[in-house]
Each structure stands twice: as C-alpha cells, then as structure tokens.
Amino acid sequence: MGITKWHGLAILVTAGITGAIWYHHPFSPARDQEHTASPEEGSVLKTDLHETSLMLPWRRDVLVLTPWLAPIVWEGTFSRDILNAQYMQKNLVTGVVTFAVEKYVQFIEGFMRSANKYFLAGHQVNFYLFTDNPEKISHLQMAPENHLFVIPVQNHSGWQDISTSRMDIISTYIHSQFQYEVDYLYSIDIHVQLLAHIGVEIIDALVGTISSWQFTPHHENKAYGTHPESQAAIPEGEWDFYYTASFYGGSVSEVYKLTRACFKGVMEDRENGIEARWRDESHLNKYLLHHKPTRLLSPEYYWDAELSSPSIIQVKRMGSVHKDS
C-alpha cells in the first residue's frame, strides 16, 4: 500500500489531459484583499482558477495527480518560464519560516546561503529566522530581493519542545505580523540545504511535500504508528499520502489554520499525557488528511539523506543534512 496504488488512475487521467492546459496556479492580487479580514475569518487569498500554465505530458513513470485532482509537482511537469511571468505580474511576496535553536545554530549559514541562491530566485522573499542565539549569527550577504529577519525565541530544554511549539509560534506571528508582509508562507527545517532551484511551481493555497520515506518498504509503520488516542492518530487504511513537516506551506490564511489546528492537537495530547510519535509531523498529517492540499510536491523537493534515491527522483531540490555533521 502506498503511492503506487493510484498509478493506474494516474495513467488514465494523464492520457485524457495530455497537452491540455490544466495546471492551476492561484496567483491573485491578494494582499489588498487579504488584509480586509483577520486569519480567523478565513478570507485571506482568493484562488483564481482561470490562471493556468502548461502541464508537460512526458512524465508517465510517476503519479502526477491525486484522487482529489490536485497536481503533484515533479521535474518535467511544469514550465517555469510561464509560471515566473504569471507570478511577476502579481507583485507577490513569499515568506520562509525556519528555526535554529541550541545546536541547530550551526546549520544557519549553510541553509541561508543555499536558500538565498535557490529559493524563488529573482522573486522577493522574506526569511524569518527564529533563534535563541541571535548574537551568534554572522553577517549574511542576501540577494537584493531577499530580506532576512532574525527573531529571538525562548530557549527550550530540547529540540522536542521547539518541535511541538513552533506551530504555535508560526500562527502567533502570522496573526501579529506575517499576514501584513507576505502573501504565501512556507516552513522549512534549518538542517537542510537547497541543491537546485525551487521556483514558483510550489505556490498554491495549501501545499504539502510527500515524504521520501513513503518510497521505503516499511514507511507505513514509521509514518502512522502513534498512540491510538492521540489527536494525530490515523486509523489503518484511511491515509493516502504521508507528508514531511520539513517543508510545507501555502497562503497565509491556510498556513494559519493549519498551524493553529496542529498546535491545538498537540496541547490536547499533552493534557492527556500523550505525545504523537513524530510530534508536529504526525499532527500535520492528520490535518492534511482531512484538509486536502491543493498542490503536492514530490520527494524531489525534500529528500532524506538517510535514503538512497530511486530512478524516478530526477533532481534533488532540497536535502537533509546529518544533524551530527
């Protein structure tokens, strides 16, 4: 059971749409509309489904469409030139949130240098770096269109604590700050490096990245094994994709709703003396099971360094860095 269970469906669907213009991108003049309501009111970004780009037809070796008709982005399934032109017309700003606490400070320079080079290159990006050691951050040369904001965060007793509280931190700052500064927001782990360009093909209302562990024989046990009474528990047979918490995002309103819901689940578990096996990632997957992503990124967009990659991975755009390196 896994991603291949829909391979046959994908072939039928893609055969019917080969050469068609269908790959939706919700680029909209959102910021002036977005600020008419708070994230709680849920009226942040309006999706403009009339804006499209060409779906290239030659990837037949992978699933490119979910059963709920959301695109899965792989190398060879989009035209970046078309998407860049659409994106530039909208004057959009995208934000990136990342956390560097305690020993994770060592990953800041590698992450920031690679993200500055490869993440939405040529487009305006605000990087929000939360750290308990802001004084240790050396000067980083940023591209003219990029801005780095260093935000002090409380020193927690261990990475588990920051892992479970970062959803709360993100939603709090969306409400107080980010909703006024960016149109889309993505959360990326600090202990990664970008290896190739990640462009506006990732932009959509709610975006999840398929975990590279879904391509391993025992991913089902690793992914969904959690306390049956946890708010993150998913009954056997009900899941579809497993998403990594290392890279997810979307419109500000959708990320606000996601992070609020996940943190609520974490706190309910904590009150009952329960901790989900993979902490915030488990809660992320429960949320995305019931709130389907409008766009999925293939494991090309985050590949775990522990795994050898299959032939369908044509390019690794982002990869984990060993934490003990």
C-alpha atoms as a PDB file:
ATOM      1  CA  MET A   1       0.000   0.000   0.000  1.00  0.00           C
ATOM      2  CA  GLY A   2       1.433   3.381  -0.885  1.00  0.00           C
ATOM      3  CA  ILE A   3       1.857   5.875  -3.607  1.00  0.00           C
ATOM      4  CA  THR A   4       1.757   3.216  -6.356  1.00  0.00           C
ATOM      5  CA  LYS A   5      -1.850   2.274  -5.524  1.00  0.00           C
ATOM      6  CA  TRP A   6      -3.037   5.157  -7.739  1.00  0.00           C
ATOM      7  CA  HIS A   7      -0.514   4.657 -10.541  1.00  0.00           C
ATOM      8  CA  GLY A   8      -3.158   3.141 -12.802  1.00  0.00           C
ATOM      9  CA  LEU A   9      -5.537   6.019 -12.129  1.00  0.00           C
ATOM     10  CA  ALA A  10      -2.777   8.489 -12.949  1.00  0.00           C
ATOM     11  CA  ILE A  11      -2.133   6.889 -16.342  1.00  0.00           C
ATOM     12  CA  LEU A  12      -5.829   7.071 -17.242  1.00  0.00           C
ATOM     13  CA  VAL A  13      -6.144  10.669 -16.115  1.00  0.00           C
ATOM     14  CA  THR A  14      -2.953  11.906 -17.754  1.00  0.00           C
ATOM     15  CA  ALA A  15      -3.883  10.159 -21.002  1.00  0.00           C
ATOM     16  CA  GLY A  16      -7.045  12.205 -21.108  1.00  0.00           C
ATOM     17  CA  ILE A  17      -5.365  15.527 -20.424  1.00  0.00           C
ATOM     18  CA  THR A  18      -2.144  15.211 -22.398  1.00  0.00           C
ATOM     19  CA  GLY A  19      -1.353  18.566 -23.925  1.00  0.00           C
ATOM     20  CA  ALA A  20      -4.235  20.270 -22.109  1.00  0.00           C
ATOM     21  CA  ILE A  21      -3.960  23.473 -20.144  1.00  0.00           C
ATOM     22  CA  TRP A  22      -4.959  22.439 -16.638  1.00  0.00           C
ATOM     23  CA  TYR A  23      -2.192  23.020 -14.157  1.00  0.00           C
ATOM     24  CA  HIS A  24      -3.850  25.648 -11.921  1.00  0.00           C
ATOM     25  CA  HIS A  25      -1.959  28.349 -10.084  1.00  0.00           C
ATOM     26  CA  PRO A  26      -3.803  30.625  -7.668  1.00  0.00           C
ATOM     27  CA  PHE A  27      -1.762  33.753  -8.333  1.00  0.00           C
ATOM     28  CA  SER A  28      -4.067  36.584  -7.400  1.00  0.00           C
ATOM     29  CA  PRO A  29      -3.768  40.239  -6.362  1.00  0.00           C
ATOM     30  CA  ALA A  30      -4.194  39.025  -2.825  1.00  0.00           C
ATOM     31  CA  ARG A  31      -2.553  41.339  -0.365  1.00  0.00           C
ATOM     32  CA  ASP A  32      -5.034  44.176  -0.679  1.00  0.00           C
ATOM     33  CA  GLN A  33      -7.889  41.676  -0.284  1.00  0.00           C
ATOM     34  CA  GLU A  34      -6.065  39.652   2.345  1.00  0.00           C
ATOM     35  CA  HIS A  35      -5.872  42.431   4.874  1.00  0.00           C
ATOM     36  CA  THR A  36      -9.603  43.074   4.900  1.00  0.00           C
ATOM     37  CA  ALA A  37     -10.019  40.196   7.349  1.00  0.00           C
ATOM     38  CA  SER A  38      -8.038  38.503  10.071  1.00  0.00           C
ATOM     39  CA  PRO A  39      -6.759  34.935   9.568  1.00  0.00           C
ATOM     40  CA  GLU A  40      -9.525  33.671  11.860  1.00  0.00           C
ATOM     41  CA  GLU A  41     -12.118  34.939   9.404  1.00  0.00           C
ATOM     42  CA  GLY A  42     -10.588  32.815   6.682  1.00  0.00           C
ATOM     43  CA  SER A  43     -10.792  35.259   3.781  1.00  0.00           C
ATOM     44  CA  VAL A  44      -7.133  35.718   3.019  1.00  0.00           C
ATOM     45  CA  LEU A  45      -6.352  34.520  -0.504  1.00  0.00           C
ATOM     46  CA  LYS A  46      -8.854  34.135  -3.296  1.00  0.00           C
ATOM     47  CA  THR A  47      -7.963  31.372  -5.780  1.00  0.00           C
ATOM     48  CA  ASP A  48      -8.095  32.428  -9.407  1.00  0.00           C
ATOM     49  CA  LEU A  49      -8.551  29.174 -11.297  1.00  0.00           C
ATOM     50  CA  HIS A  50      -8.595  30.945 -14.644  1.00  0.00           C
ATOM     51  CA  GLU A  51      -4.835  31.386 -14.437  1.00  0.00           C
ATOM     52  CA  THR A  52      -3.083  28.313 -15.786  1.00  0.00           C
ATOM     53  CA  SER A  53       0.194  27.045 -17.130  1.00  0.00           C
ATOM     54  CA  LEU A  54       1.094  24.195 -19.432  1.00  0.00           C
ATOM     55  CA  MET A  55       1.386  20.729 -17.978  1.00  0.00           C
ATOM     56  CA  LEU A  56       4.135  18.887 -19.800  1.00  0.00           C
ATOM     57  CA  PRO A  57       2.941  15.406 -20.768  1.00  0.00           C
ATOM     58  CA  TRP A  58       6.048  13.254 -20.765  1.00  0.00           C
ATOM     59  CA  ARG A  59       6.228  12.018 -17.140  1.00  0.00           C
ATOM     60  CA  ARG A  60       4.490   8.629 -17.234  1.00  0.00           C
ATOM     61  CA  ASP A  61       6.627   6.962 -14.572  1.00  0.00           C
ATOM     62  CA  VAL A  62       5.139   8.782 -11.578  1.00  0.00           C
ATOM     63  CA  LEU A  63       1.796   9.818 -10.150  1.00  0.00           C
ATOM     64  CA  VAL A  64       1.112  13.405 -11.253  1.00  0.00           C
ATOM     65  CA  LEU A  65      -2.437  13.848  -9.989  1.00  0.00           C
ATOM     66  CA  THR A  66      -4.101  12.928  -6.703  1.00  0.00           C
ATOM     67  CA  PRO A  67      -7.526  11.255  -6.490  1.00  0.00           C
ATOM     68  CA  TRP A  68      -8.923  14.681  -5.496  1.00  0.00           C
ATOM     69  CA  LEU A  69      -7.335  16.199  -8.648  1.00  0.00           C
ATOM     70  CA  ALA A  70      -4.524  18.155  -7.029  1.00  0.00           C
ATOM     71  CA  PRO A  71      -1.300  18.264  -9.075  1.00  0.00           C
ATOM     72  CA  ILE A  72       1.849  16.545  -7.827  1.00  0.00           C
ATOM     73  CA  VAL A  73       4.902  18.536  -8.902  1.00  0.00           C
ATOM     74  CA  TRP A  74       7.827  16.612 -10.376  1.00  0.00           C
ATOM     75  CA  GLU A  75      10.667  17.627 -12.634  1.00  0.00           C
ATOM     76  CA  GLY A  76       9.224  17.842 -16.129  1.00  0.00           C
ATOM     77  CA  THR A  77       5.641  18.663 -15.148  1.00  0.00           C
ATOM     78  CA  PHE A  78       5.734  22.450 -15.363  1.00  0.00           C
ATOM     79  CA  SER A  79       7.055  25.358 -17.386  1.00  0.00           C
ATOM     80  CA  ARG A  80       8.938  27.669 -15.046  1.00  0.00           C
ATOM     81  CA  ASP A  81       9.117  30.473 -17.631  1.00  0.00           C
ATOM     82  CA  ILE A  82       5.322  30.639 -17.855  1.00  0.00           C
ATOM     83  CA  LEU A  83       4.918  30.479 -14.082  1.00  0.00           C
ATOM     84  CA  ASN A  84       7.516  33.186 -13.473  1.00  0.00           C
ATOM     85  CA  ALA A  85       5.728  35.515 -15.883  1.00  0.00           C
ATOM     86  CA  GLN A  86       2.409  34.961 -14.098  1.00  0.00           C
ATOM     87  CA  TYR A  87       3.958  35.390 -10.665  1.00  0.00           C
ATOM     88  CA  MET A  88       5.806  38.583 -11.550  1.00  0.00           C
ATOM     89  CA  GLN A  89       2.576  40.234 -12.740  1.00  0.00           C
ATOM     90  CA  LYS A  90       1.055  39.869  -9.276  1.00  0.00           C
ATOM     91  CA  ASN A  91       3.856  41.536  -7.279  1.00  0.00           C
ATOM     92  CA  LEU A  92       3.661  38.783  -4.649  1.00  0.00           C
ATOM     93  CA  VAL A  93       5.900  38.278  -1.621  1.00  0.00           C
ATOM     94  CA  THR A  94       6.655  34.844  -0.192  1.00  0.00           C
ATOM     95  CA  GLY A  95       7.889  34.202   3.322  1.00  0.00           C
ATOM     96  CA  VAL A  96      10.044  31.397   4.728  1.00  0.00           C
ATOM     97  CA  VAL A  97       9.995  30.475   8.414  1.00  0.00           C
ATOM     98  CA  THR A  98      12.809  28.447   9.966  1.00  0.00           C
ATOM     99  CA  PHE A  99      14.008  27.704  13.498  1.00  0.00           C
ATOM    100  CA  ALA A 100      17.612  27.466  14.754  1.00  0.00           C
ATOM    101  CA  VAL A 101      17.697  26.674  18.462  1.00  0.00           C
ATOM    102  CA  GLU A 102      20.633  25.384  20.546  1.00  0.00           C
ATOM    103  CA  LYS A 103      22.922  23.156  18.429  1.00  0.00           C
ATOM    104  CA  TYR A 104      20.894  23.876  15.282  1.00  0.00           C
ATOM    105  CA  VAL A 105      22.557  27.285  15.074  1.00  0.00           C
ATOM    106  CA  GLN A 106      25.387  25.505  13.256  1.00  0.00           C
ATOM    107  CA  PHE A 107      23.116  24.963  10.235  1.00  0.00           C
ATOM    108  CA  ILE A 108      22.153  28.608   9.722  1.00  0.00           C
ATOM    109  CA  GLU A 109      24.900  29.610   7.312  1.00  0.00           C
ATOM    110  CA  GLY A 110      24.534  26.551   5.066  1.00  0.00           C
ATOM    111  CA  PHE A 111      20.770  26.861   4.933  1.00  0.00           C
ATOM    112  CA  MET A 112      20.697  30.590   4.335  1.00  0.00           C
ATOM    113  CA  ARG A 113      23.366  30.575   1.628  1.00  0.00           C
ATOM    114  CA  SER A 114      21.621  27.815  -0.319  1.00  0.00           C
ATOM    115  CA  ALA A 115      18.120  29.267   0.189  1.00  0.00           C
ATOM    116  CA  ASN A 116      19.296  32.730  -0.856  1.00  0.00           C
ATOM    117  CA  LYS A 117      20.607  31.184  -4.069  1.00  0.00           C
ATOM    118  CA  TYR A 118      17.893  28.683  -4.963  1.00  0.00           C
ATOM    119  CA  PHE A 119      14.566  29.549  -3.286  1.00  0.00           C
ATOM    120  CA  LEU A 120      12.336  31.578  -5.643  1.00  0.00           C
ATOM    121  CA  ALA A 121      15.416  33.155  -7.181  1.00  0.00           C
ATOM    122  CA  GLY A 122      14.653  36.566  -8.648  1.00  0.00           C
ATOM    123  CA  HIS A 123      11.464  36.996  -6.614  1.00  0.00           C
ATOM    124  CA  GLN A 124      11.016  38.802  -3.318  1.00  0.00           C
ATOM    125  CA  VAL A 125      11.368  36.501  -0.318  1.00  0.00           C
ATOM    126  CA  ASN A 126      11.278  37.352   3.390  1.00  0.00           C
ATOM    127  CA  PHE A 127      13.225  34.905   5.530  1.00  0.00           C
ATOM    128  CA  TYR A 128      12.104  34.763   9.173  1.00  0.00           C
ATOM    129  CA  LEU A 129      14.768  33.095  11.300  1.00  0.00           C
ATOM    130  CA  PHE A 130      13.753  32.229  14.857  1.00  0.00           C
ATOM    131  CA  THR A 131      16.733  31.566  17.118  1.00  0.00           C
ATOM    132  CA  ASP A 132      17.753  31.621  20.770  1.00  0.00           C
ATOM    133  CA  ASN A 133      21.228  32.885  19.778  1.00  0.00           C
ATOM    134  CA  PRO A 134      20.690  35.939  17.552  1.00  0.00           C
ATOM    135  CA  GLU A 135      24.048  37.380  18.598  1.00  0.00           C
ATOM    136  CA  LYS A 136      25.863  34.392  17.060  1.00  0.00           C
ATOM    137  CA  ILE A 137      24.569  34.980  13.564  1.00  0.00           C
ATOM    138  CA  SER A 138      27.284  36.331  11.336  1.00  0.00           C
ATOM    139  CA  HIS A 139      26.525  38.790   8.571  1.00  0.00           C
ATOM    140  CA  LEU A 140      24.964  37.002   5.630  1.00  0.00           C
ATOM    141  CA  GLN A 141      25.018  38.590   2.189  1.00  0.00           C
ATOM    142  CA  MET A 142      21.483  38.398   0.774  1.00  0.00           C
ATOM    143  CA  ALA A 143      20.263  38.874  -2.764  1.00  0.00           C
ATOM    144  CA  PRO A 144      18.773  42.368  -3.331  1.00  0.00           C
ATOM    145  CA  GLU A 145      15.229  40.987  -3.493  1.00  0.00           C
ATOM    146  CA  ASN A 146      15.586  38.928  -0.288  1.00  0.00           C
ATOM    147  CA  HIS A 147      15.326  40.096   3.316  1.00  0.00           C
ATOM    148  CA  LEU A 148      16.405  38.288   6.487  1.00  0.00           C
ATOM    149  CA  PHE A 149      14.591  38.981   9.752  1.00  0.00           C
ATOM    150  CA  VAL A 150      16.131  37.470  12.880  1.00  0.00           C
ATOM    151  CA  ILE A 151      13.551  36.916  15.627  1.00  0.00           C
ATOM    152  CA  PRO A 152      14.642  35.930  19.159  1.00  0.00           C
ATOM    153  CA  VAL A 153      12.823  32.926  20.573  1.00  0.00           C
ATOM    154  CA  GLN A 154      12.865  31.409  24.037  1.00  0.00           C
ATOM    155  CA  ASN A 155      15.495  28.778  24.766  1.00  0.00           C
ATOM    156  CA  HIS A 156      13.739  25.439  25.262  1.00  0.00           C
ATOM    157  CA  SER A 157      15.117  22.430  27.079  1.00  0.00           C
ATOM    158  CA  GLY A 158      15.375  20.282  23.971  1.00  0.00           C
ATOM    159  CA  TRP A 159      14.551  20.028  20.298  1.00  0.00           C
ATOM    160  CA  GLN A 160      11.347  18.152  21.118  1.00  0.00           C
ATOM    161  CA  ASP A 161       9.974  21.260  22.837  1.00  0.00           C
ATOM    162  CA  ILE A 162      10.711  23.611  19.956  1.00  0.00           C
ATOM    163  CA  SER A 163       9.350  20.977  17.572  1.00  0.00           C
ATOM    164  CA  THR A 164       5.998  20.940  19.350  1.00  0.00           C
ATOM    165  CA  SER A 165       5.800  24.698  19.934  1.00  0.00           C
ATOM    166  CA  ARG A 166       6.817  26.016  16.529  1.00  0.00           C
ATOM    167  CA  MET A 167       3.276  25.603  15.191  1.00  0.00           C
ATOM    168  CA  ASP A 168       2.106  27.952  17.949  1.00  0.00           C
ATOM    169  CA  ILE A 169       4.907  30.416  17.201  1.00  0.00           C
ATOM    170  CA  ILE A 170       4.132  30.453  13.473  1.00  0.00           C
ATOM    171  CA  SER A 171       0.401  31.028  13.967  1.00  0.00           C
ATOM    172  CA  THR A 172       1.054  33.757  16.545  1.00  0.00           C
ATOM    173  CA  TYR A 173       3.365  35.657  14.208  1.00  0.00           C
ATOM    174  CA  ILE A 174       1.013  35.207  11.258  1.00  0.00           C
ATOM    175  CA  HIS A 175      -1.681  36.920  13.275  1.00  0.00           C
ATOM    176  CA  SER A 176       0.527  39.744  14.532  1.00  0.00           C
ATOM    177  CA  GLN A 177       2.955  40.311  11.653  1.00  0.00           C
ATOM    178  CA  PHE A 178       3.286  37.955   8.706  1.00  0.00           C
ATOM    179  CA  GLN A 179      -0.220  38.470   7.307  1.00  0.00           C
ATOM    180  CA  TYR A 180       0.709  42.098   6.636  1.00  0.00           C
ATOM    181  CA  GLU A 181       4.048  41.315   4.983  1.00  0.00           C
ATOM    182  CA  VAL A 182       3.720  38.225   2.777  1.00  0.00           C
ATOM    183  CA  ASP A 183       1.148  36.529   0.550  1.00  0.00           C
ATOM    184  CA  TYR A 184       2.427  32.971   0.900  1.00  0.00           C
ATOM    185  CA  LEU A 185       4.361  31.366   3.745  1.00  0.00           C
ATOM    186  CA  TYR A 186       6.488  28.208   3.878  1.00  0.00           C
ATOM    187  CA  SER A 187       8.058  26.433   6.829  1.00  0.00           C
ATOM    188  CA  ILE A 188      11.421  24.772   6.149  1.00  0.00           C
ATOM    189  CA  ASP A 189      13.700  22.918   8.568  1.00  0.00           C
ATOM    190  CA  ILE A 190      17.015  24.633   9.247  1.00  0.00           C
ATOM    191  CA  HIS A 191      19.066  21.424   8.898  1.00  0.00           C
ATOM    192  CA  VAL A 192      18.594  21.233   5.132  1.00  0.00           C
ATOM    193  CA  GLN A 193      20.385  22.593   2.129  1.00  0.00           C
ATOM    194  CA  LEU A 194      18.831  23.571  -1.156  1.00  0.00           C
ATOM    195  CA  LEU A 195      20.573  21.813  -4.016  1.00  0.00           C
ATOM    196  CA  ALA A 196      18.668  23.084  -7.056  1.00  0.00           C
ATOM    197  CA  HIS A 197      16.170  25.796  -7.922  1.00  0.00           C
ATOM    198  CA  ILE A 198      12.820  25.759  -6.142  1.00  0.00           C
ATOM    199  CA  GLY A 199      10.557  28.116  -8.017  1.00  0.00           C
ATOM    200  CA  VAL A 200       7.005  29.386  -8.137  1.00  0.00           C
ATOM    201  CA  GLU A 201       5.764  25.933  -9.135  1.00  0.00           C
ATOM    202  CA  ILE A 202       5.403  25.393  -5.364  1.00  0.00           C
ATOM    203  CA  ILE A 203       2.893  28.226  -4.950  1.00  0.00           C
ATOM    204  CA  ASP A 204      -0.672  27.281  -4.085  1.00  0.00           C
ATOM    205  CA  ALA A 205      -3.252  27.666  -1.316  1.00  0.00           C
ATOM    206  CA  LEU A 206      -2.217  24.594   0.724  1.00  0.00           C
ATOM    207  CA  VAL A 207       0.965  22.705  -0.123  1.00  0.00           C
ATOM    208  CA  GLY A 208       2.380  19.504   1.347  1.00  0.00           C
ATOM    209  CA  THR A 209       5.575  17.658   0.419  1.00  0.00           C
ATOM    210  CA  ILE A 210       5.395  13.883   0.062  1.00  0.00           C
ATOM    211  CA  SER A 211       7.892  12.275   2.425  1.00  0.00           C
ATOM    212  CA  SER A 212      10.781  10.387   0.843  1.00  0.00           C
ATOM    213  CA  TRP A 213      10.071   7.670   3.435  1.00  0.00           C
ATOM    214  CA  GLN A 214       6.907   6.807   1.514  1.00  0.00           C
ATOM    215  CA  PHE A 215       9.197   5.143  -1.010  1.00  0.00           C
ATOM    216  CA  THR A 216      10.587   2.677   1.533  1.00  0.00           C
ATOM    217  CA  PRO A 217       9.140  -0.789   2.295  1.00  0.00           C
ATOM    218  CA  HIS A 218       8.329  -0.038   5.948  1.00  0.00           C
ATOM    219  CA  HIS A 219       7.132   3.549   5.673  1.00  0.00           C
ATOM    220  CA  GLU A 220       3.622   2.687   6.875  1.00  0.00           C
ATOM    221  CA  ASN A 221       4.787   1.665  10.334  1.00  0.00           C
ATOM    222  CA  LYS A 222       7.211   4.569  10.595  1.00  0.00           C
ATOM    223  CA  ALA A 223       4.718   7.121   9.430  1.00  0.00           C
ATOM    224  CA  TYR A 224       1.487   6.276  11.168  1.00  0.00           C
ATOM    225  CA  GLY A 225       2.493   4.409  14.305  1.00  0.00           C
ATOM    226  CA  THR A 226       1.215   6.607  17.129  1.00  0.00           C
ATOM    227  CA  HIS A 227      -0.916   6.358  20.257  1.00  0.00           C
ATOM    228  CA  PRO A 228      -4.463   5.379  19.182  1.00  0.00           C
ATOM    229  CA  GLU A 229      -5.972   8.044  21.481  1.00  0.00           C
ATOM    230  CA  SER A 230      -3.743  10.818  20.136  1.00  0.00           C
ATOM    231  CA  GLN A 231      -5.365  13.662  18.232  1.00  0.00           C
ATOM    232  CA  ALA A 232      -2.883  12.779  15.465  1.00  0.00           C
ATOM    233  CA  ALA A 233      -3.921   9.136  15.187  1.00  0.00           C
ATOM    234  CA  ILE A 234      -4.993   7.932  11.739  1.00  0.00           C
ATOM    235  CA  PRO A 235      -6.845   4.603  11.598  1.00  0.00           C
ATOM    236  CA  GLU A 236      -5.219   1.948   9.454  1.00  0.00           C
ATOM    237  CA  GLY A 237      -6.336   2.104   5.853  1.00  0.00           C
ATOM    238  CA  GLU A 238      -7.603   5.690   5.949  1.00  0.00           C
ATOM    239  CA  TRP A 239      -4.437   7.539   4.989  1.00  0.00           C
ATOM    240  CA  ASP A 240      -3.375   8.454   1.472  1.00  0.00           C
ATOM    241  CA  PHE A 241      -0.021  10.295   1.348  1.00  0.00           C
ATOM    242  CA  TYR A 242       2.481  10.837   4.121  1.00  0.00           C
ATOM    243  CA  TYR A 243       3.856  14.381   4.282  1.00  0.00           C
ATOM    244  CA  THR A 244       7.082  15.645   5.778  1.00  0.00           C
ATOM    245  CA  ALA A 245       6.987  18.525   8.260  1.00  0.00           C
ATOM    246  CA  SER A 246      10.339  19.683   6.910  1.00  0.00           C
ATOM    247  CA  PHE A 247       8.690  21.615   4.055  1.00  0.00           C
ATOM    248  CA  TYR A 248       5.073  22.740   3.865  1.00  0.00           C
ATOM    249  CA  GLY A 249       3.184  25.965   3.313  1.00  0.00           C
ATOM    250  CA  GLY A 250       0.671  27.873   1.253  1.00  0.00           C
ATOM    251  CA  SER A 251      -1.347  31.037   1.537  1.00  0.00           C
ATOM    252  CA  VAL A 252      -1.045  32.895   4.818  1.00  0.00           C
ATOM    253  CA  SER A 253      -4.641  32.093   5.761  1.00  0.00           C
ATOM    254  CA  GLU A 254      -4.277  28.367   5.106  1.00  0.00           C
ATOM    255  CA  VAL A 255      -0.979  28.101   6.984  1.00  0.00           C
ATOM    256  CA  TYR A 256      -2.581  29.956   9.879  1.00  0.00           C
ATOM    257  CA  LYS A 257      -5.442  27.462  10.033  1.00  0.00           C
ATOM    258  CA  LEU A 258      -3.066  24.516   9.731  1.00  0.00           C
ATOM    259  CA  THR A 259      -0.671  25.640  12.459  1.00  0.00           C
ATOM    260  CA  ARG A 260      -3.497  26.597  14.818  1.00  0.00           C
ATOM    261  CA  ALA A 261      -5.175  23.216  14.399  1.00  0.00           C
ATOM    262  CA  CYS A 262      -1.936  21.258  14.788  1.00  0.00           C
ATOM    263  CA  PHE A 263      -0.925  23.103  17.940  1.00  0.00           C
ATOM    264  CA  LYS A 264      -4.396  22.565  19.390  1.00  0.00           C
ATOM    265  CA  GLY A 265      -3.958  18.829  18.797  1.00  0.00           C
ATOM    266  CA  VAL A 266      -0.522  18.887  20.421  1.00  0.00           C
ATOM    267  CA  MET A 267      -1.899  20.607  23.517  1.00  0.00           C
ATOM    268  CA  GLU A 268      -4.879  18.249  23.811  1.00  0.00           C
ATOM    269  CA  ASP A 269      -2.473  15.313  23.657  1.00  0.00           C
ATOM    270  CA  ARG A 270      -0.256  16.900  26.274  1.00  0.00           C
ATOM    271  CA  GLU A 271      -3.200  17.389  28.632  1.00  0.00           C
ATOM    272  CA  ASN A 272      -3.927  13.669  28.294  1.00  0.00           C
ATOM    273  CA  GLY A 273      -0.310  12.657  28.808  1.00  0.00           C
ATOM    274  CA  ILE A 274       0.130  11.647  25.164  1.00  0.00           C
ATOM    275  CA  GLU A 275       2.799  12.553  22.632  1.00  0.00           C
ATOM    276  CA  ALA A 276       2.380  11.662  18.970  1.00  0.00           C
ATOM    277  CA  ARG A 277       5.217   9.542  17.666  1.00  0.00           C
ATOM    278  CA  TRP A 278       6.503  12.155  15.219  1.00  0.00           C
ATOM    279  CA  ARG A 279       5.197  15.161  17.161  1.00  0.00           C
ATOM    280  CA  ASP A 280       4.178  18.066  14.917  1.00  0.00           C
ATOM    281  CA  GLU A 281       4.665  15.964  11.774  1.00  0.00           C
ATOM    282  CA  SER A 282       2.048  13.488  12.987  1.00  0.00           C
ATOM    283  CA  HIS A 283      -0.422  16.308  13.607  1.00  0.00           C
ATOM    284  CA  LEU A 284       0.405  17.841  10.215  1.00  0.00           C
ATOM    285  CA  ASN A 285      -0.510  14.571   8.523  1.00  0.00           C
ATOM    286  CA  LYS A 286      -3.780  14.270  10.403  1.00  0.00           C
ATOM    287  CA  TYR A 287      -4.698  17.814   9.335  1.00  0.00           C
ATOM    288  CA  LEU A 288      -3.797  17.248   5.677  1.00  0.00           C
ATOM    289  CA  LEU A 289      -5.785  14.023   5.625  1.00  0.00           C
ATOM    290  CA  HIS A 290      -8.970  15.977   6.332  1.00  0.00           C
ATOM    291  CA  HIS A 291      -7.956  19.249   4.631  1.00  0.00           C
ATOM    292  CA  LYS A 292      -6.581  18.072   1.313  1.00  0.00           C
ATOM    293  CA  PRO A 293      -3.603  20.008  -0.100  1.00  0.00           C
ATOM    294  CA  THR A 294      -4.303  21.882  -3.313  1.00  0.00           C
ATOM    295  CA  ARG A 295      -0.790  21.041  -4.508  1.00  0.00           C
ATOM    296  CA  LEU A 296       1.652  18.284  -3.567  1.00  0.00           C
ATOM    297  CA  LEU A 297       5.397  18.495  -4.000  1.00  0.00           C
ATOM    298  CA  SER A 298       7.141  15.273  -4.887  1.00  0.00           C
ATOM    299  CA  PRO A 299      10.006  13.961  -2.730  1.00  0.00           C
ATOM    300  CA  GLU A 300      12.345  15.742  -5.147  1.00  0.00           C
ATOM    301  CA  TYR A 301      11.611  18.810  -3.028  1.00  0.00           C
ATOM    302  CA  TYR A 302      12.883  17.232   0.185  1.00  0.00           C
ATOM    303  CA  TRP A 303      14.927  14.050   0.165  1.00  0.00           C
ATOM    304  CA  ASP A 304      16.115  12.454   3.401  1.00  0.00           C
ATOM    305  CA  ALA A 305      19.880  11.942   3.392  1.00  0.00           C
ATOM    306  CA  GLU A 306      19.462   8.547   5.083  1.00  0.00           C
ATOM    307  CA  LEU A 307      17.828   7.067   1.986  1.00  0.00           C
ATOM    308  CA  SER A 308      19.129   6.074  -1.406  1.00  0.00           C
ATOM    309  CA  SER A 309      17.025   7.611  -4.158  1.00  0.00           C
ATOM    310  CA  PRO A 310      15.112   5.631  -6.811  1.00  0.00           C
ATOM    311  CA  SER A 311      15.401   6.412 -10.510  1.00  0.00           C
ATOM    312  CA  ILE A 312      12.169   8.424 -10.527  1.00  0.00           C
ATOM    313  CA  ILE A 313      13.950  11.135  -8.499  1.00  0.00           C
ATOM    314  CA  GLN A 314      15.424  13.070 -11.419  1.00  0.00           C
ATOM    315  CA  VAL A 315      16.638  16.017  -9.339  1.00  0.00           C
ATOM    316  CA  LYS A 316      17.032  16.593  -5.602  1.00  0.00           C
ATOM    317  CA  ARG A 317      15.996  20.173  -4.956  1.00  0.00           C
ATOM    318  CA  MET A 318      16.416  20.053  -1.199  1.00  0.00           C
ATOM    319  CA  GLY A 319      18.065  17.526   1.071  1.00  0.00           C
ATOM    320  CA  SER A 320      18.537  16.973   4.758  1.00  0.00           C
ATOM    321  CA  VAL A 321      21.909  17.477   6.418  1.00  0.00           C
ATOM    322  CA  HIS A 322      23.016  14.957   9.020  1.00  0.00           C
ATOM    323  CA  LYS A 323      22.344  16.510  12.408  1.00  0.00           C
ATOM    324  CA  ASP A 324      25.619  15.242  13.847  1.00  0.00           C
ATOM    325  CA  SER A 325      27.708  16.595  10.973  1.00  0.00           C
END
